[in-house]
Amino acid sequence: MELQYKRYQNYLGKNYSFLKEASRLPIMARLKYISILCGMDYATPYAYHILFYISRLDHSMDTAKITYRLTKSKREALIALFHDACTPVFSHVIDYVNGDFLRQESTEEKQEEIILSSKELQEYLKNEGISVYDLIDFKSHSIVDYKRPHLCADRISNTLCSGFNLGGNVDFETSKLVIDHLALFKNEEGKLEIGFSSSEAADAFLEINERINQITHSSVDHYMMLLLAKIVKHLLDHRYLTEMDLYTKEEIEVMMLIEEWSKVDETLRTFWYEFKHKKVFPEDIKLNVKDRIVRPIVLGKRYNGK
């Protein structure tokens, strides 16, 4: 399956030198070591059937390529590339730490602070003629990011990535079907929105999305996300970690820190052992987490699926 995903990445495009250059900036290079699955790659193998590792950098590059494919705009593609630049370790687990189960956007409040603190990024943007505030306000770019149930490049990339390595219901041909039939439409709000030029492609995408939605609404996922959130909160409460560390460190660094402090902190050791080895999970944990509803445009009209 990993080879299928690599084919998909190459199909999106592999010779975009401006994206490669931008991805080497320290603020982006760190994302190579941030998992798209919120750190669950490192969890007990009894919780998930994860096929291989996909990083936030992979996802960011895919999002940028999808954006460029549709717009042919270098500026829009770079805004798409940097949209996750401020993702903390374990991604949405930190939203759980903050009590933001439904929207899962609390970490984006750090976007401006982190971006403005990167001198390398600001210098790069200046040379490219892009305002730093385009990155801070990336949600105003409807092709890059759009509230549900609308479709956007970020949502397409995230859904396909998750389908490849977690849902297991995506292969190269399915991803190609989806990508080949993406198109831009003017929606009911008068904004540009990504949609599909065929119902077959839309149905394939909706099936992938539904599988991921089922997993993220499962009792197992809720339990594991809450457990890792509990671990992170313990690290913060006992000052083993600062809040800013969440946005500047790599996940492997934090895991090594947990391992080290677990030697002297019995509570942390208990939490961490459970996260790494638990086999049986409660079946009654239900959180009001975000519903991954998507209602794409197909041939100019809002679509409810087959």
C-alpha atoms as a PDB file:
ATOM      1  CA  MET A   1       0.000   0.000   0.000  1.00  0.00           C
ATOM      2  CA  GLU A   2       2.891   2.375   0.675  1.00  0.00           C
ATOM      3  CA  LEU A   3       4.027   1.971  -2.936  1.00  0.00           C
ATOM      4  CA  GLN A   4       0.476   2.805  -4.048  1.00  0.00           C
ATOM      5  CA  TYR A   5       0.658   6.007  -2.013  1.00  0.00           C
ATOM      6  CA  LYS A   6       4.040   6.904  -3.548  1.00  0.00           C
ATOM      7  CA  ARG A   7       2.526   6.458  -7.020  1.00  0.00           C
ATOM      8  CA  TYR A   8      -0.275   8.813  -5.997  1.00  0.00           C
ATOM      9  CA  GLN A   9       2.234  11.413  -4.777  1.00  0.00           C
ATOM     10  CA  ASN A  10       4.171  11.200  -8.030  1.00  0.00           C
ATOM     11  CA  TYR A  11       0.951  11.457 -10.017  1.00  0.00           C
ATOM     12  CA  LEU A  12       0.122  14.715  -8.265  1.00  0.00           C
ATOM     13  CA  GLY A  13       3.496  16.030  -9.461  1.00  0.00           C
ATOM     14  CA  LYS A  14       7.121  15.556  -8.501  1.00  0.00           C
ATOM     15  CA  ASN A  15       9.090  18.331 -10.186  1.00  0.00           C
ATOM     16  CA  TYR A  16       7.834  21.408  -8.351  1.00  0.00           C
ATOM     17  CA  SER A  17      11.143  22.932  -7.289  1.00  0.00           C
ATOM     18  CA  PHE A  18       9.460  25.861  -5.506  1.00  0.00           C
ATOM     19  CA  LEU A  19       7.586  23.445  -3.209  1.00  0.00           C
ATOM     20  CA  LYS A  20      10.728  21.433  -2.506  1.00  0.00           C
ATOM     21  CA  GLU A  21      12.636  24.610  -1.633  1.00  0.00           C
ATOM     22  CA  ALA A  22       9.902  25.829   0.701  1.00  0.00           C
ATOM     23  CA  SER A  23       9.590  22.436   2.385  1.00  0.00           C
ATOM     24  CA  ARG A  24      13.236  22.639   3.486  1.00  0.00           C
ATOM     25  CA  LEU A  25      12.582  25.629   5.755  1.00  0.00           C
ATOM     26  CA  PRO A  26      12.984  24.576   9.430  1.00  0.00           C
ATOM     27  CA  ILE A  27       9.333  25.329  10.208  1.00  0.00           C
ATOM     28  CA  MET A  28       8.314  22.855   7.488  1.00  0.00           C
ATOM     29  CA  ALA A  29      11.113  20.282   7.765  1.00  0.00           C
ATOM     30  CA  ARG A  30       9.933  19.557  11.325  1.00  0.00           C
ATOM     31  CA  LEU A  31       6.607  18.288   9.930  1.00  0.00           C
ATOM     32  CA  LYS A  32       8.388  15.265   8.478  1.00  0.00           C
ATOM     33  CA  TYR A  33       8.446  14.006  12.053  1.00  0.00           C
ATOM     34  CA  ILE A  34       4.827  14.826  12.910  1.00  0.00           C
ATOM     35  CA  SER A  35       2.371  12.028  12.123  1.00  0.00           C
ATOM     36  CA  ILE A  36      -0.842  12.718  10.227  1.00  0.00           C
ATOM     37  CA  LEU A  37      -2.525  10.219  12.569  1.00  0.00           C
ATOM     38  CA  CYS A  38      -2.051  12.293  15.731  1.00  0.00           C
ATOM     39  CA  GLY A  39       0.726  10.098  17.100  1.00  0.00           C
ATOM     40  CA  MET A  40      -1.321   6.908  16.929  1.00  0.00           C
ATOM     41  CA  ASP A  41       1.422   5.344  14.774  1.00  0.00           C
ATOM     42  CA  TYR A  42       3.267   4.848  18.061  1.00  0.00           C
ATOM     43  CA  ALA A  43       0.311   3.379  19.984  1.00  0.00           C
ATOM     44  CA  THR A  44      -0.410  -0.206  20.909  1.00  0.00           C
ATOM     45  CA  PRO A  45      -0.823  -2.328  17.747  1.00  0.00           C
ATOM     46  CA  TYR A  46      -4.113  -3.635  19.166  1.00  0.00           C
ATOM     47  CA  ALA A  47      -5.812  -0.254  18.710  1.00  0.00           C
ATOM     48  CA  TYR A  48      -5.371   0.431  14.985  1.00  0.00           C
ATOM     49  CA  HIS A  49      -4.403  -1.299  11.785  1.00  0.00           C
ATOM     50  CA  ILE A  50      -1.987   1.332  10.467  1.00  0.00           C
ATOM     51  CA  LEU A  51      -0.345   0.293   7.222  1.00  0.00           C
ATOM     52  CA  PHE A  52       2.572   2.754   7.066  1.00  0.00           C
ATOM     53  CA  TYR A  53       3.693   6.216   8.162  1.00  0.00           C
ATOM     54  CA  ILE A  54       2.497   9.426   6.522  1.00  0.00           C
ATOM     55  CA  SER A  55       3.783  12.721   7.883  1.00  0.00           C
ATOM     56  CA  ARG A  56       2.247  16.176   8.076  1.00  0.00           C
ATOM     57  CA  LEU A  57       4.871  17.211   5.537  1.00  0.00           C
ATOM     58  CA  ASP A  58       3.592  14.554   3.115  1.00  0.00           C
ATOM     59  CA  HIS A  59       0.063  15.824   3.635  1.00  0.00           C
ATOM     60  CA  SER A  60       1.146  19.457   3.217  1.00  0.00           C
ATOM     61  CA  MET A  61       2.941  18.701  -0.053  1.00  0.00           C
ATOM     62  CA  ASP A  62      -0.080  16.773  -1.339  1.00  0.00           C
ATOM     63  CA  THR A  63      -2.368  19.672  -0.422  1.00  0.00           C
ATOM     64  CA  ALA A  64      -0.103  22.138  -2.231  1.00  0.00           C
ATOM     65  CA  LYS A  65       0.072  19.948  -5.349  1.00  0.00           C
ATOM     66  CA  ILE A  66      -3.710  19.555  -5.492  1.00  0.00           C
ATOM     67  CA  THR A  67      -4.065  23.323  -5.145  1.00  0.00           C
ATOM     68  CA  TYR A  68      -1.510  23.987  -7.879  1.00  0.00           C
ATOM     69  CA  ARG A  69      -3.098  21.380 -10.146  1.00  0.00           C
ATOM     70  CA  LEU A  70      -6.400  23.251  -9.974  1.00  0.00           C
ATOM     71  CA  THR A  71      -5.244  26.877  -9.863  1.00  0.00           C
ATOM     72  CA  LYS A  72      -1.808  26.929 -11.522  1.00  0.00           C
ATOM     73  CA  SER A  73      -1.062  29.589  -8.903  1.00  0.00           C
ATOM     74  CA  LYS A  74       2.299  29.397  -7.145  1.00  0.00           C
ATOM     75  CA  ARG A  75       1.020  31.770  -4.455  1.00  0.00           C
ATOM     76  CA  GLU A  76      -2.051  29.624  -3.667  1.00  0.00           C
ATOM     77  CA  ALA A  77       0.075  26.472  -3.691  1.00  0.00           C
ATOM     78  CA  LEU A  78       2.511  27.948  -1.159  1.00  0.00           C
ATOM     79  CA  ILE A  79      -0.348  29.086   1.084  1.00  0.00           C
ATOM     80  CA  ALA A  80      -1.608  25.493   0.907  1.00  0.00           C
ATOM     81  CA  LEU A  81       1.847  24.114   1.689  1.00  0.00           C
ATOM     82  CA  PHE A  82       2.218  26.205   4.844  1.00  0.00           C
ATOM     83  CA  HIS A  83      -1.347  25.665   6.131  1.00  0.00           C
ATOM     84  CA  ASP A  84      -0.160  23.079   8.702  1.00  0.00           C
ATOM     85  CA  ALA A  85       3.186  24.712   9.486  1.00  0.00           C
ATOM     86  CA  CYS A  86       2.209  25.239  13.114  1.00  0.00           C
ATOM     87  CA  THR A  87       0.885  21.743  13.810  1.00  0.00           C
ATOM     88  CA  PRO A  88       1.905  20.624  17.319  1.00  0.00           C
ATOM     89  CA  VAL A  89       3.209  17.172  18.219  1.00  0.00           C
ATOM     90  CA  PHE A  90       0.383  14.613  18.135  1.00  0.00           C
ATOM     91  CA  SER A  91      -1.737  17.130  16.178  1.00  0.00           C
ATOM     92  CA  HIS A  92      -5.409  16.958  17.261  1.00  0.00           C
ATOM     93  CA  VAL A  93      -4.529  15.242  20.549  1.00  0.00           C
ATOM     94  CA  ILE A  94      -3.548  18.742  21.696  1.00  0.00           C
ATOM     95  CA  ASP A  95      -7.076  19.909  20.847  1.00  0.00           C
ATOM     96  CA  TYR A  96      -8.260  17.140  23.183  1.00  0.00           C
ATOM     97  CA  VAL A  97      -5.907  18.501  25.860  1.00  0.00           C
ATOM     98  CA  ASN A  98      -7.573  21.890  25.318  1.00  0.00           C
ATOM     99  CA  GLY A  99     -11.071  20.375  25.507  1.00  0.00           C
ATOM    100  CA  ASP A 100     -11.774  21.176  21.857  1.00  0.00           C
ATOM    101  CA  PHE A 101     -13.278  17.852  20.763  1.00  0.00           C
ATOM    102  CA  LEU A 102     -15.848  19.216  18.329  1.00  0.00           C
ATOM    103  CA  ARG A 103     -14.057  21.807  16.205  1.00  0.00           C
ATOM    104  CA  GLN A 104     -10.496  20.540  16.779  1.00  0.00           C
ATOM    105  CA  GLU A 105      -9.069  23.919  15.814  1.00  0.00           C
ATOM    106  CA  SER A 106      -7.767  25.262  19.153  1.00  0.00           C
ATOM    107  CA  THR A 107      -4.136  24.745  18.142  1.00  0.00           C
ATOM    108  CA  GLU A 108      -4.592  27.082  15.184  1.00  0.00           C
ATOM    109  CA  GLU A 109      -4.671  29.948  17.672  1.00  0.00           C
ATOM    110  CA  LYS A 110      -0.868  29.643  17.722  1.00  0.00           C
ATOM    111  CA  GLN A 111      -0.630  30.096  13.942  1.00  0.00           C
ATOM    112  CA  GLU A 112       0.237  33.799  14.007  1.00  0.00           C
ATOM    113  CA  GLU A 113       2.720  33.537  16.882  1.00  0.00           C
ATOM    114  CA  ILE A 114       4.628  30.614  15.385  1.00  0.00           C
ATOM    115  CA  ILE A 115       4.727  32.008  11.861  1.00  0.00           C
ATOM    116  CA  LEU A 116       5.876  35.455  12.967  1.00  0.00           C
ATOM    117  CA  SER A 117       8.615  33.878  15.073  1.00  0.00           C
ATOM    118  CA  SER A 118      10.235  32.218  12.032  1.00  0.00           C
ATOM    119  CA  LYS A 119      12.722  34.636  10.500  1.00  0.00           C
ATOM    120  CA  GLU A 120      13.606  32.137   7.760  1.00  0.00           C
ATOM    121  CA  LEU A 121       9.967  31.859   6.729  1.00  0.00           C
ATOM    122  CA  GLN A 122       9.420  35.613   6.714  1.00  0.00           C
ATOM    123  CA  GLU A 123      12.519  36.137   4.577  1.00  0.00           C
ATOM    124  CA  TYR A 124      11.366  33.435   2.169  1.00  0.00           C
ATOM    125  CA  LEU A 125       7.886  34.950   1.854  1.00  0.00           C
ATOM    126  CA  LYS A 126       9.353  38.407   1.286  1.00  0.00           C
ATOM    127  CA  ASN A 127      11.443  37.068  -1.606  1.00  0.00           C
ATOM    128  CA  GLU A 128       8.372  35.361  -3.058  1.00  0.00           C
ATOM    129  CA  GLY A 129       6.188  38.468  -2.707  1.00  0.00           C
ATOM    130  CA  ILE A 130       3.720  36.721  -0.398  1.00  0.00           C
ATOM    131  CA  SER A 131       2.298  38.420   2.682  1.00  0.00           C
ATOM    132  CA  VAL A 132       2.878  36.591   5.940  1.00  0.00           C
ATOM    133  CA  TYR A 133      -0.770  37.315   6.727  1.00  0.00           C
ATOM    134  CA  ASP A 134      -1.870  35.138   3.815  1.00  0.00           C
ATOM    135  CA  LEU A 135      -0.462  32.215   5.801  1.00  0.00           C
ATOM    136  CA  ILE A 136      -2.024  33.369   9.041  1.00  0.00           C
ATOM    137  CA  ASP A 137      -5.376  33.835   7.325  1.00  0.00           C
ATOM    138  CA  PHE A 138      -5.212  30.725   5.125  1.00  0.00           C
ATOM    139  CA  LYS A 139      -8.838  29.882   5.932  1.00  0.00           C
ATOM    140  CA  SER A 140      -9.936  32.785   3.751  1.00  0.00           C
ATOM    141  CA  HIS A 141      -8.622  30.845   0.736  1.00  0.00           C
ATOM    142  CA  SER A 142     -11.571  28.585  -0.057  1.00  0.00           C
ATOM    143  CA  ILE A 143      -9.655  26.265  -2.379  1.00  0.00           C
ATOM    144  CA  VAL A 144      -7.084  25.576   0.349  1.00  0.00           C
ATOM    145  CA  ASP A 145      -9.446  25.412   3.350  1.00  0.00           C
ATOM    146  CA  TYR A 146     -13.231  25.553   3.652  1.00  0.00           C
ATOM    147  CA  LYS A 147     -15.618  24.762   6.466  1.00  0.00           C
ATOM    148  CA  ARG A 148     -17.566  21.522   6.263  1.00  0.00           C
ATOM    149  CA  PRO A 149     -19.518  20.223   4.435  1.00  0.00           C
ATOM    150  CA  HIS A 150     -17.612  21.990   1.634  1.00  0.00           C
ATOM    151  CA  LEU A 151     -14.633  20.400  -0.083  1.00  0.00           C
ATOM    152  CA  CYS A 152     -11.121  21.873  -0.218  1.00  0.00           C
ATOM    153  CA  ALA A 153      -7.577  20.756  -1.019  1.00  0.00           C
ATOM    154  CA  ASP A 154      -6.733  20.178   2.651  1.00  0.00           C
ATOM    155  CA  ARG A 155      -9.775  17.914   3.112  1.00  0.00           C
ATOM    156  CA  ILE A 156      -9.128  15.969  -0.092  1.00  0.00           C
ATOM    157  CA  SER A 157      -5.500  15.333   0.841  1.00  0.00           C
ATOM    158  CA  ASN A 158      -6.268  14.411   4.440  1.00  0.00           C
ATOM    159  CA  THR A 159      -9.043  12.001   3.438  1.00  0.00           C
ATOM    160  CA  LEU A 160      -6.953  10.238   0.809  1.00  0.00           C
ATOM    161  CA  CYS A 161      -3.905  10.016   3.105  1.00  0.00           C
ATOM    162  CA  SER A 162      -6.015   8.534   5.888  1.00  0.00           C
ATOM    163  CA  GLY A 163      -7.641   6.147   3.437  1.00  0.00           C
ATOM    164  CA  PHE A 164      -4.263   4.914   2.291  1.00  0.00           C
ATOM    165  CA  ASN A 165      -2.688   4.254   5.686  1.00  0.00           C
ATOM    166  CA  LEU A 166      -5.594   3.822   8.118  1.00  0.00           C
ATOM    167  CA  GLY A 167      -8.844   3.109   6.317  1.00  0.00           C
ATOM    168  CA  GLY A 168      -7.182   0.754   3.879  1.00  0.00           C
ATOM    169  CA  ASN A 169      -9.814   1.486   1.247  1.00  0.00           C
ATOM    170  CA  VAL A 170      -7.664   3.546  -1.139  1.00  0.00           C
ATOM    171  CA  ASP A 171      -5.273   2.327  -3.810  1.00  0.00           C
ATOM    172  CA  PHE A 172      -3.597   4.235  -6.624  1.00  0.00           C
ATOM    173  CA  GLU A 173      -6.436   3.722  -9.108  1.00  0.00           C
ATOM    174  CA  THR A 174      -9.009   5.030  -6.637  1.00  0.00           C
ATOM    175  CA  SER A 175      -6.893   8.072  -5.823  1.00  0.00           C
ATOM    176  CA  LYS A 176      -6.366   8.706  -9.538  1.00  0.00           C
ATOM    177  CA  LEU A 177     -10.124   8.546 -10.136  1.00  0.00           C
ATOM    178  CA  VAL A 178     -10.661  11.173  -7.444  1.00  0.00           C
ATOM    179  CA  ILE A 179      -7.853  13.480  -8.585  1.00  0.00           C
ATOM    180  CA  ASP A 180      -8.681  13.235 -12.303  1.00  0.00           C
ATOM    181  CA  HIS A 181     -12.234  14.439 -11.708  1.00  0.00           C
ATOM    182  CA  LEU A 182     -11.562  17.399  -9.438  1.00  0.00           C
ATOM    183  CA  ALA A 183     -12.797  20.708 -10.796  1.00  0.00           C
ATOM    184  CA  LEU A 184     -13.513  24.240  -9.584  1.00  0.00           C
ATOM    185  CA  PHE A 185     -17.078  25.533  -9.310  1.00  0.00           C
ATOM    186  CA  LYS A 186     -18.716  28.719  -8.076  1.00  0.00           C
ATOM    187  CA  ASN A 187     -20.836  27.656  -5.125  1.00  0.00           C
ATOM    188  CA  GLU A 188     -23.994  29.002  -3.432  1.00  0.00           C
ATOM    189  CA  GLU A 189     -21.923  31.526  -1.462  1.00  0.00           C
ATOM    190  CA  GLY A 190     -20.333  32.865  -4.631  1.00  0.00           C
ATOM    191  CA  LYS A 191     -16.953  31.365  -3.692  1.00  0.00           C
ATOM    192  CA  LEU A 192     -14.727  29.014  -5.633  1.00  0.00           C
ATOM    193  CA  GLU A 193     -15.032  25.486  -4.320  1.00  0.00           C
ATOM    194  CA  ILE A 194     -13.452  22.212  -5.366  1.00  0.00           C
ATOM    195  CA  GLY A 195     -15.958  19.670  -6.625  1.00  0.00           C
ATOM    196  CA  PHE A 196     -16.169  16.729  -8.982  1.00  0.00           C
ATOM    197  CA  SER A 197     -16.846  16.395 -12.679  1.00  0.00           C
ATOM    198  CA  SER A 198     -18.329  12.909 -12.209  1.00  0.00           C
ATOM    199  CA  SER A 199     -20.588  11.257  -9.646  1.00  0.00           C
ATOM    200  CA  GLU A 200     -18.446   8.100  -9.787  1.00  0.00           C
ATOM    201  CA  ALA A 201     -15.433   9.990  -8.423  1.00  0.00           C
ATOM    202  CA  ALA A 202     -17.594  11.743  -5.822  1.00  0.00           C
ATOM    203  CA  ASP A 203     -19.040   8.424  -4.624  1.00  0.00           C
ATOM    204  CA  ALA A 204     -15.543   6.912  -4.358  1.00  0.00           C
ATOM    205  CA  PHE A 205     -14.389   9.867  -2.254  1.00  0.00           C
ATOM    206  CA  LEU A 206     -17.468   9.779  -0.024  1.00  0.00           C
ATOM    207  CA  GLU A 207     -16.934   6.067   0.628  1.00  0.00           C
ATOM    208  CA  ILE A 208     -13.344   6.737   1.744  1.00  0.00           C
ATOM    209  CA  ASN A 209     -14.513   9.602   3.942  1.00  0.00           C
ATOM    210  CA  GLU A 210     -17.199   7.484   5.580  1.00  0.00           C
ATOM    211  CA  ARG A 211     -14.699   4.770   6.497  1.00  0.00           C
ATOM    212  CA  ILE A 212     -12.421   7.315   8.192  1.00  0.00           C
ATOM    213  CA  ASN A 213     -15.418   8.892   9.931  1.00  0.00           C
ATOM    214  CA  GLN A 214     -16.338   5.492  11.396  1.00  0.00           C
ATOM    215  CA  ILE A 215     -12.829   4.987  12.774  1.00  0.00           C
ATOM    216  CA  THR A 216     -12.606   8.465  14.329  1.00  0.00           C
ATOM    217  CA  HIS A 217     -15.997   7.961  15.987  1.00  0.00           C
ATOM    218  CA  SER A 218     -15.093   4.574  17.446  1.00  0.00           C
ATOM    219  CA  SER A 219     -14.754   3.954  21.174  1.00  0.00           C
ATOM    220  CA  VAL A 220     -11.185   2.718  20.619  1.00  0.00           C
ATOM    221  CA  ASP A 221     -10.134   5.948  18.915  1.00  0.00           C
ATOM    222  CA  HIS A 222     -11.773   8.072  21.592  1.00  0.00           C
ATOM    223  CA  TYR A 223     -10.022   6.072  24.306  1.00  0.00           C
ATOM    224  CA  MET A 224      -6.573   6.279  22.714  1.00  0.00           C
ATOM    225  CA  MET A 225      -6.822   9.979  21.870  1.00  0.00           C
ATOM    226  CA  LEU A 226      -7.935  10.748  25.423  1.00  0.00           C
ATOM    227  CA  LEU A 227      -5.121   8.610  26.847  1.00  0.00           C
ATOM    228  CA  LEU A 228      -2.429  10.401  24.867  1.00  0.00           C
ATOM    229  CA  ALA A 229      -4.052  13.724  25.789  1.00  0.00           C
ATOM    230  CA  LYS A 230      -3.827  12.663  29.457  1.00  0.00           C
ATOM    231  CA  ILE A 231      -0.123  11.908  28.988  1.00  0.00           C
ATOM    232  CA  VAL A 232       0.545  15.287  27.373  1.00  0.00           C
ATOM    233  CA  LYS A 233      -1.398  17.118  30.088  1.00  0.00           C
ATOM    234  CA  HIS A 234       0.656  15.307  32.731  1.00  0.00           C
ATOM    235  CA  LEU A 235       3.836  16.441  30.974  1.00  0.00           C
ATOM    236  CA  LEU A 236       2.613  20.035  30.940  1.00  0.00           C
ATOM    237  CA  ASP A 237       1.280  20.038  34.508  1.00  0.00           C
ATOM    238  CA  HIS A 238       4.568  18.697  35.856  1.00  0.00           C
ATOM    239  CA  ARG A 239       6.627  21.013  33.660  1.00  0.00           C
ATOM    240  CA  TYR A 240       8.395  18.205  31.850  1.00  0.00           C
ATOM    241  CA  LEU A 241       7.262  20.035  28.742  1.00  0.00           C
ATOM    242  CA  THR A 242       6.255  23.620  27.954  1.00  0.00           C
ATOM    243  CA  GLU A 243       3.356  24.580  25.730  1.00  0.00           C
ATOM    244  CA  MET A 244       5.770  26.023  23.175  1.00  0.00           C
ATOM    245  CA  ASP A 245       7.635  22.697  23.084  1.00  0.00           C
ATOM    246  CA  LEU A 246       4.512  21.188  21.528  1.00  0.00           C
ATOM    247  CA  TYR A 247       4.957  23.456  18.498  1.00  0.00           C
ATOM    248  CA  THR A 248       8.713  23.242  18.100  1.00  0.00           C
ATOM    249  CA  LYS A 249       9.735  19.676  18.947  1.00  0.00           C
ATOM    250  CA  GLU A 250       9.420  16.499  16.886  1.00  0.00           C
ATOM    251  CA  GLU A 251       7.252  13.651  18.103  1.00  0.00           C
ATOM    252  CA  ILE A 252      10.212  11.334  18.589  1.00  0.00           C
ATOM    253  CA  GLU A 253      11.800  13.923  20.904  1.00  0.00           C
ATOM    254  CA  VAL A 254       8.682  14.027  23.057  1.00  0.00           C
ATOM    255  CA  MET A 255       8.444  10.238  23.167  1.00  0.00           C
ATOM    256  CA  MET A 256      12.070  10.013  24.301  1.00  0.00           C
ATOM    257  CA  LEU A 257      11.282  12.575  26.989  1.00  0.00           C
ATOM    258  CA  ILE A 258       8.295  10.475  28.127  1.00  0.00           C
ATOM    259  CA  GLU A 259      10.472   7.382  28.286  1.00  0.00           C
ATOM    260  CA  GLU A 260      13.045   9.224  30.379  1.00  0.00           C
ATOM    261  CA  TRP A 261      10.614  10.760  32.866  1.00  0.00           C
ATOM    262  CA  SER A 262       8.687   7.480  33.124  1.00  0.00           C
ATOM    263  CA  LYS A 263      11.678   6.059  34.989  1.00  0.00           C
ATOM    264  CA  VAL A 264      11.003   8.370  37.932  1.00  0.00           C
ATOM    265  CA  ASP A 265       7.290   9.207  37.548  1.00  0.00           C
ATOM    266  CA  GLU A 266       5.070   6.233  38.347  1.00  0.00           C
ATOM    267  CA  THR A 267       1.856   7.851  37.073  1.00  0.00           C
ATOM    268  CA  LEU A 268       3.461   8.721  33.757  1.00  0.00           C
ATOM    269  CA  ARG A 269       4.942   5.232  33.531  1.00  0.00           C
ATOM    270  CA  THR A 270       1.481   3.685  34.012  1.00  0.00           C
ATOM    271  CA  PHE A 271      -0.098   5.907  31.356  1.00  0.00           C
ATOM    272  CA  TRP A 272       2.701   5.278  28.878  1.00  0.00           C
ATOM    273  CA  TYR A 273       2.699   1.509  29.348  1.00  0.00           C
ATOM    274  CA  GLU A 274      -1.041   1.458  28.691  1.00  0.00           C
ATOM    275  CA  PHE A 275      -0.622   3.577  25.569  1.00  0.00           C
ATOM    276  CA  LYS A 276       2.046   1.236  24.200  1.00  0.00           C
ATOM    277  CA  HIS A 277       0.605  -2.143  25.235  1.00  0.00           C
ATOM    278  CA  LYS A 278      -3.146  -2.077  25.954  1.00  0.00           C
ATOM    279  CA  LYS A 279      -5.064  -4.961  24.357  1.00  0.00           C
ATOM    280  CA  VAL A 280      -8.695  -4.623  25.481  1.00  0.00           C
ATOM    281  CA  PHE A 281     -10.688  -1.406  25.229  1.00  0.00           C
ATOM    282  CA  PRO A 282     -13.955  -0.177  26.768  1.00  0.00           C
ATOM    283  CA  GLU A 283     -16.862  -0.051  24.337  1.00  0.00           C
ATOM    284  CA  ASP A 284     -18.894   2.744  25.906  1.00  0.00           C
ATOM    285  CA  ILE A 285     -16.700   5.807  25.382  1.00  0.00           C
ATOM    286  CA  LYS A 286     -18.516   8.357  23.251  1.00  0.00           C
ATOM    287  CA  LEU A 287     -17.288  11.891  22.710  1.00  0.00           C
ATOM    288  CA  ASN A 288     -18.964  14.669  20.774  1.00  0.00           C
ATOM    289  CA  VAL A 289     -16.168  14.859  18.206  1.00  0.00           C
ATOM    290  CA  LYS A 290     -16.358  16.509  14.822  1.00  0.00           C
ATOM    291  CA  ASP A 291     -18.375  14.697  12.184  1.00  0.00           C
ATOM    292  CA  ARG A 292     -16.505  14.399   8.900  1.00  0.00           C
ATOM    293  CA  ILE A 293     -19.545  15.271   6.803  1.00  0.00           C
ATOM    294  CA  VAL A 294     -18.829  16.215   3.188  1.00  0.00           C
ATOM    295  CA  ARG A 295     -21.409  17.262   0.610  1.00  0.00           C
ATOM    296  CA  PRO A 296     -19.393  17.994  -2.531  1.00  0.00           C
ATOM    297  CA  ILE A 297     -20.445  19.793  -5.657  1.00  0.00           C
ATOM    298  CA  VAL A 298     -20.846  17.475  -8.639  1.00  0.00           C
ATOM    299  CA  LEU A 299     -21.199  19.070 -12.079  1.00  0.00           C
ATOM    300  CA  GLY A 300     -22.209  22.361 -10.500  1.00  0.00           C
ATOM    301  CA  LYS A 301     -24.812  21.021  -8.051  1.00  0.00           C
ATOM    302  CA  ARG A 302     -24.597  20.049  -4.376  1.00  0.00           C
ATOM    303  CA  TYR A 303     -24.505  16.265  -4.121  1.00  0.00           C
ATOM    304  CA  ASN A 304     -25.863  13.953  -1.434  1.00  0.00           C
ATOM    305  CA  GLY A 305     -24.332  10.723  -2.721  1.00  0.00           C
ATOM    306  CA  LYS A 306     -25.810   7.744  -4.469  1.00  0.00           C
END
